[in-house]
């Protein structure tokens, strides 16, 4: 299935297999901007995961501006990251102990879902 997803995204990204766990990852910023984000803009997630996507998209936008290269602006990125998914990893939490979670965007589910 991951090979099909990779193929769908024009062979962008890498599939990792380790300890019987397979992962698909796209890590090049230009690929995320040109391929991944447009896809999820056109086909939005229909769960609360959409709020993570909105935060992710904001992080990508700020990284594309070079904000991750400035210490003060990097803190802003980490604040956004802390609000996503399960928050920061233990290692990042140790390195950035003064991080404040950003407000998660409110997402409402669509009234009519097109399952196609």
N, C-alpha and C. Protein backbone atom coordinates (compact mmCIF):
# COMPACT_ATOMS: atom_id res chain seq x y z
N UNK A 1 0.82 -1.18 0.00
CA UNK A 1 0.00 0.00 0.00
C UNK A 1 0.88 1.27 0.00
N UNK A 2 1.97 1.25 0.77
CA UNK A 2 2.85 2.42 0.80
C UNK A 2 3.49 2.67 -0.56
N UNK A 3 3.79 1.61 -1.29
CA UNK A 3 4.33 1.77 -2.64
C UNK A 3 3.31 2.45 -3.55
N UNK A 4 2.04 2.13 -3.38
CA UNK A 4 1.00 2.77 -4.17
C UNK A 4 0.86 4.25 -3.80
N UNK A 5 0.97 4.56 -2.52
CA UNK A 5 0.90 5.96 -2.08
C UNK A 5 2.08 6.74 -2.64
N UNK A 6 3.27 6.15 -2.55
CA UNK A 6 4.46 6.80 -3.11
C UNK A 6 4.30 7.03 -4.61
N UNK A 7 3.79 6.04 -5.30
CA UNK A 7 3.56 6.16 -6.73
C UNK A 7 2.54 7.27 -7.03
N UNK A 8 1.48 7.34 -6.24
CA UNK A 8 0.46 8.37 -6.41
C UNK A 8 1.07 9.76 -6.31
N UNK A 9 2.05 9.92 -5.40
CA UNK A 9 2.71 11.21 -5.21
C UNK A 9 3.97 11.33 -6.07
N UNK A 10 3.92 10.77 -7.28
CA UNK A 10 5.00 10.92 -8.28
C UNK A 10 6.35 10.41 -7.78
N UNK A 11 6.33 9.31 -7.04
CA UNK A 11 7.56 8.68 -6.51
C UNK A 11 8.31 9.60 -5.55
N UNK A 12 7.61 10.55 -4.99
CA UNK A 12 8.21 11.44 -4.00
C UNK A 12 8.32 10.73 -2.67
N UNK A 13 9.42 10.94 -1.97
CA UNK A 13 9.59 10.39 -0.63
C UNK A 13 10.29 9.06 -0.61
N UNK A 14 10.36 8.50 0.61
CA UNK A 14 11.09 7.25 0.84
C UNK A 14 10.24 6.35 1.73
N UNK A 15 10.31 5.05 1.46
CA UNK A 15 9.67 4.06 2.33
C UNK A 15 10.76 3.43 3.18
N UNK A 16 10.55 3.46 4.49
CA UNK A 16 11.48 2.85 5.44
C UNK A 16 10.82 1.59 6.01
N UNK A 17 11.59 0.53 6.12
CA UNK A 17 11.10 -0.68 6.79
C UNK A 17 12.12 -1.03 7.88
N UNK A 18 11.61 -1.12 9.10
CA UNK A 18 12.48 -1.41 10.24
C UNK A 18 11.68 -2.17 11.28
N UNK A 19 12.19 -3.30 11.71
CA UNK A 19 11.51 -4.11 12.73
C UNK A 19 10.06 -4.39 12.37
N UNK A 20 9.82 -4.80 11.15
CA UNK A 20 8.47 -5.12 10.66
C UNK A 20 7.52 -3.94 10.67
N UNK A 21 8.03 -2.73 10.71
CA UNK A 21 7.21 -1.52 10.64
C UNK A 21 7.64 -0.76 9.40
N UNK A 22 6.68 -0.45 8.54
CA UNK A 22 6.96 0.30 7.32
C UNK A 22 6.42 1.71 7.47
N UNK A 23 7.20 2.67 7.00
CA UNK A 23 6.79 4.08 7.05
C UNK A 23 7.09 4.73 5.72
N UNK A 24 6.23 5.64 5.35
CA UNK A 24 6.44 6.46 4.16
C UNK A 24 6.68 7.88 4.62
N UNK A 25 7.76 8.48 4.14
CA UNK A 25 8.11 9.83 4.59
C UNK A 25 8.52 10.70 3.42
N UNK A 26 7.97 11.90 3.41
CA UNK A 26 8.39 12.93 2.46
C UNK A 26 9.05 14.01 3.31
N UNK A 27 10.33 14.25 3.10
CA UNK A 27 11.04 15.19 3.96
C UNK A 27 11.62 16.40 3.22
N UNK A 28 11.67 16.35 1.90
CA UNK A 28 12.18 17.51 1.16
C UNK A 28 11.13 18.61 1.18
N UNK A 29 11.51 19.79 1.65
CA UNK A 29 10.59 20.91 1.78
C UNK A 29 9.91 21.23 0.46
N UNK A 30 10.66 21.21 -0.63
CA UNK A 30 10.06 21.55 -1.94
C UNK A 30 9.01 20.53 -2.34
N UNK A 31 9.22 19.25 -2.01
CA UNK A 31 8.22 18.22 -2.33
C UNK A 31 6.97 18.38 -1.47
N UNK A 32 7.17 18.74 -0.22
CA UNK A 32 6.03 18.97 0.67
C UNK A 32 5.20 20.15 0.15
N UNK A 33 5.89 21.21 -0.27
CA UNK A 33 5.20 22.42 -0.74
C UNK A 33 4.51 22.18 -2.08
N UNK A 34 5.18 21.50 -3.00
CA UNK A 34 4.64 21.36 -4.36
C UNK A 34 3.72 20.17 -4.55
N UNK A 35 3.83 19.13 -3.71
CA UNK A 35 3.04 17.92 -3.94
C UNK A 35 2.10 17.60 -2.78
N UNK A 36 2.62 17.53 -1.58
CA UNK A 36 1.82 17.06 -0.43
C UNK A 36 0.78 18.09 -0.01
N UNK A 37 1.19 19.33 0.21
CA UNK A 37 0.24 20.35 0.66
C UNK A 37 -0.87 20.59 -0.37
N UNK A 38 -0.56 20.73 -1.65
CA UNK A 38 -1.67 20.90 -2.61
C UNK A 38 -2.68 19.74 -2.57
N UNK A 39 -2.18 18.53 -2.38
CA UNK A 39 -3.11 17.39 -2.31
C UNK A 39 -4.08 17.55 -1.14
N UNK A 40 -3.55 17.85 0.04
CA UNK A 40 -4.41 17.96 1.21
C UNK A 40 -5.21 19.25 1.24
N UNK A 41 -4.81 20.23 0.45
CA UNK A 41 -5.67 21.42 0.27
C UNK A 41 -6.87 21.06 -0.60
N UNK A 42 -6.63 20.25 -1.63
CA UNK A 42 -7.71 19.84 -2.54
C UNK A 42 -8.61 18.77 -1.94
N UNK A 43 -8.04 17.93 -1.08
CA UNK A 43 -8.79 16.83 -0.46
C UNK A 43 -8.58 16.89 1.05
N UNK A 44 -9.26 17.81 1.72
CA UNK A 44 -9.02 18.00 3.16
C UNK A 44 -9.42 16.78 3.99
N UNK A 45 -8.70 16.62 5.08
CA UNK A 45 -9.04 15.57 6.04
C UNK A 45 -10.39 15.89 6.65
N UNK A 46 -11.16 14.88 6.96
CA UNK A 46 -12.50 15.13 7.48
C UNK A 46 -12.62 14.72 8.95
N UNK A 47 -11.51 14.76 9.65
CA UNK A 47 -11.49 14.47 11.08
C UNK A 47 -10.78 15.63 11.78
N UNK A 48 -10.64 15.51 13.08
CA UNK A 48 -9.92 16.54 13.82
C UNK A 48 -8.43 16.57 13.45
N UNK A 49 -7.96 15.56 12.73
CA UNK A 49 -6.58 15.54 12.23
C UNK A 49 -6.32 16.74 11.32
N UNK A 50 -7.37 17.33 10.79
CA UNK A 50 -7.25 18.52 9.95
C UNK A 50 -6.57 19.65 10.73
N UNK A 51 -6.82 19.74 12.04
CA UNK A 51 -6.17 20.81 12.83
C UNK A 51 -4.66 20.59 12.89
N UNK A 52 -4.21 19.32 12.95
CA UNK A 52 -2.77 19.04 12.87
C UNK A 52 -2.22 19.45 11.51
N UNK A 53 -2.98 19.18 10.46
CA UNK A 53 -2.54 19.55 9.12
C UNK A 53 -2.40 21.07 8.99
N UNK A 54 -3.32 21.82 9.55
CA UNK A 54 -3.26 23.28 9.49
C UNK A 54 -1.99 23.78 10.20
N UNK A 55 -1.68 23.20 11.36
CA UNK A 55 -0.45 23.58 12.07
C UNK A 55 0.79 23.17 11.27
N UNK A 56 0.76 21.97 10.69
CA UNK A 56 1.86 21.49 9.86
C UNK A 56 2.11 22.44 8.69
N UNK A 57 1.04 22.85 8.03
CA UNK A 57 1.15 23.74 6.88
C UNK A 57 1.76 25.08 7.30
N UNK A 58 1.40 25.56 8.47
CA UNK A 58 1.97 26.82 8.98
C UNK A 58 3.47 26.66 9.26
N UNK A 59 3.85 25.52 9.83
CA UNK A 59 5.27 25.26 10.09
C UNK A 59 6.05 25.22 8.78
N UNK A 60 5.51 24.55 7.78
CA UNK A 60 6.18 24.47 6.46
C UNK A 60 6.33 25.86 5.87
N UNK A 61 5.27 26.67 5.97
CA UNK A 61 5.33 28.04 5.44
C UNK A 61 6.44 28.84 6.12
N UNK A 62 6.53 28.73 7.44
CA UNK A 62 7.56 29.46 8.18
C UNK A 62 8.96 28.93 7.87
N UNK A 63 9.09 27.62 7.71
CA UNK A 63 10.39 27.06 7.36
C UNK A 63 10.81 27.52 5.96
N UNK A 64 9.87 27.60 5.06
CA UNK A 64 10.17 28.04 3.71
C UNK A 64 10.68 29.49 3.70
N UNK A 65 10.25 30.29 4.67
CA UNK A 65 10.74 31.66 4.82
C UNK A 65 12.11 31.69 5.50
N UNK A 66 12.56 30.55 6.03
CA UNK A 66 13.85 30.49 6.72
C UNK A 66 13.75 30.77 8.21
N UNK A 67 12.55 30.77 8.76
CA UNK A 67 12.38 31.09 10.18
C UNK A 67 13.06 30.08 11.10
N UNK A 68 13.27 28.86 10.66
CA UNK A 68 13.91 27.86 11.50
C UNK A 68 15.40 28.13 11.68
N UNK A 69 15.93 29.08 10.95
CA UNK A 69 17.35 29.43 11.05
C UNK A 69 17.63 30.52 12.08
N UNK A 70 16.58 31.09 12.63
CA UNK A 70 16.68 32.15 13.64
C UNK A 70 16.17 31.59 14.96
N UNK A 71 16.97 31.73 16.03
CA UNK A 71 16.62 31.10 17.32
C UNK A 71 15.24 31.53 17.82
N UNK A 72 14.94 32.83 17.80
CA UNK A 72 13.65 33.30 18.31
C UNK A 72 12.50 32.79 17.47
N UNK A 73 12.70 32.76 16.16
CA UNK A 73 11.65 32.27 15.27
C UNK A 73 11.52 30.76 15.34
N UNK A 74 12.62 30.07 15.63
CA UNK A 74 12.58 28.62 15.81
C UNK A 74 11.67 28.26 16.98
N UNK A 75 11.69 29.05 18.04
CA UNK A 75 10.82 28.81 19.20
C UNK A 75 9.35 28.84 18.76
N UNK A 76 9.01 29.77 17.87
CA UNK A 76 7.63 29.84 17.35
C UNK A 76 7.26 28.54 16.64
N UNK A 77 8.18 28.01 15.85
CA UNK A 77 7.93 26.74 15.16
C UNK A 77 7.74 25.60 16.15
N UNK A 78 8.57 25.57 17.17
CA UNK A 78 8.48 24.50 18.16
C UNK A 78 7.19 24.62 18.97
N UNK A 79 6.74 25.84 19.23
CA UNK A 79 5.45 26.02 19.90
C UNK A 79 4.32 25.41 19.06
N UNK A 80 4.37 25.64 17.76
CA UNK A 80 3.37 25.04 16.86
C UNK A 80 3.46 23.52 16.88
N UNK A 81 4.69 23.02 16.80
CA UNK A 81 4.91 21.56 16.79
C UNK A 81 4.42 20.92 18.09
N UNK A 82 4.58 21.60 19.20
CA UNK A 82 4.14 21.07 20.50
C UNK A 82 2.63 20.87 20.55
N UNK A 83 1.91 21.59 19.71
CA UNK A 83 0.44 21.49 19.70
C UNK A 83 -0.06 20.39 18.78
N UNK A 84 0.83 19.78 18.01
CA UNK A 84 0.44 18.75 17.05
C UNK A 84 0.52 17.36 17.66
N UNK A 85 -0.33 16.48 17.18
CA UNK A 85 -0.28 15.06 17.51
C UNK A 85 -0.09 14.82 19.00
N UNK A 86 1.01 14.19 19.36
CA UNK A 86 1.27 13.88 20.77
C UNK A 86 2.21 14.88 21.43
N UNK A 87 2.42 16.00 20.81
CA UNK A 87 3.31 17.01 21.39
C UNK A 87 4.76 16.74 21.04
N UNK A 88 5.65 17.33 21.82
CA UNK A 88 7.08 17.20 21.56
C UNK A 88 7.61 15.87 22.08
N UNK A 89 8.66 15.40 21.44
CA UNK A 89 9.34 14.19 21.93
C UNK A 89 10.02 14.54 23.26
N UNK A 90 10.39 13.53 24.00
CA UNK A 90 11.07 13.74 25.30
C UNK A 90 12.37 14.53 25.09
N UNK A 91 13.07 14.23 24.01
CA UNK A 91 14.35 14.91 23.73
C UNK A 91 14.12 16.40 23.46
N UNK A 92 13.12 16.72 22.62
CA UNK A 92 12.83 18.13 22.34
C UNK A 92 12.31 18.84 23.58
N UNK A 93 11.50 18.16 24.38
CA UNK A 93 10.98 18.77 25.61
C UNK A 93 12.10 19.13 26.56
N UNK A 94 13.14 18.29 26.61
CA UNK A 94 14.29 18.57 27.46
C UNK A 94 15.06 19.78 26.95
N UNK A 95 15.24 19.85 25.65
CA UNK A 95 16.01 20.95 25.06
C UNK A 95 15.25 22.27 25.07
N UNK A 96 13.93 22.21 24.99
CA UNK A 96 13.10 23.41 24.94
C UNK A 96 12.05 23.34 26.04
N UNK A 97 12.49 23.54 27.26
CA UNK A 97 11.60 23.36 28.41
C UNK A 97 10.59 24.50 28.58
N UNK A 98 10.81 25.62 27.94
CA UNK A 98 9.93 26.78 28.12
C UNK A 98 8.88 26.91 26.99
N UNK A 99 8.61 25.85 26.31
CA UNK A 99 7.69 25.87 25.17
C UNK A 99 6.24 25.95 25.66
N UNK A 100 5.46 26.77 24.96
CA UNK A 100 4.03 26.88 25.23
C UNK A 100 3.29 26.38 24.00
N UNK A 101 2.34 25.50 24.22
CA UNK A 101 1.55 25.01 23.08
C UNK A 101 0.80 26.16 22.43
N UNK A 102 0.78 26.15 21.12
CA UNK A 102 -0.03 27.11 20.38
C UNK A 102 -1.48 26.63 20.42
N UNK A 103 -2.38 27.54 20.16
CA UNK A 103 -3.79 27.16 20.13
C UNK A 103 -4.06 26.30 18.90
N UNK A 104 -4.72 25.19 19.12
CA UNK A 104 -5.08 24.31 18.00
C UNK A 104 -6.25 24.91 17.24
N UNK A 105 -6.17 24.90 15.91
CA UNK A 105 -7.29 25.43 15.13
C UNK A 105 -8.56 24.61 15.37
N UNK A 106 -9.68 25.29 15.40
CA UNK A 106 -10.97 24.61 15.51
C UNK A 106 -11.37 24.14 14.12
N UNK A 107 -11.79 22.90 14.03
CA UNK A 107 -12.16 22.32 12.75
C UNK A 107 -13.56 21.74 12.89
N UNK A 108 -14.40 22.10 11.96
CA UNK A 108 -15.73 21.50 11.95
C UNK A 108 -15.82 20.52 10.79
N UNK A 109 -16.47 19.43 11.05
CA UNK A 109 -16.61 18.40 10.03
C UNK A 109 -17.61 18.86 8.98
N UNK A 110 -17.39 18.49 7.72
CA UNK A 110 -18.33 18.89 6.67
C UNK A 110 -19.70 18.24 6.87
N UNK A 111 -20.73 18.93 6.47
CA UNK A 111 -22.08 18.39 6.60
C UNK A 111 -22.34 17.30 5.57
N UNK A 112 -21.85 17.51 4.37
CA UNK A 112 -22.01 16.53 3.29
C UNK A 112 -20.64 15.99 2.91
N UNK A 113 -20.47 14.69 3.04
CA UNK A 113 -19.21 14.07 2.71
C UNK A 113 -19.34 13.32 1.39
N UNK A 114 -18.46 13.64 0.46
CA UNK A 114 -18.42 12.93 -0.82
C UNK A 114 -17.41 11.80 -0.66
N UNK A 115 -17.86 10.59 -0.55
CA UNK A 115 -16.98 9.45 -0.31
C UNK A 115 -16.19 9.04 -1.55
N UNK A 116 -16.39 9.72 -2.65
CA UNK A 116 -15.62 9.43 -3.85
C UNK A 116 -14.42 10.32 -3.90
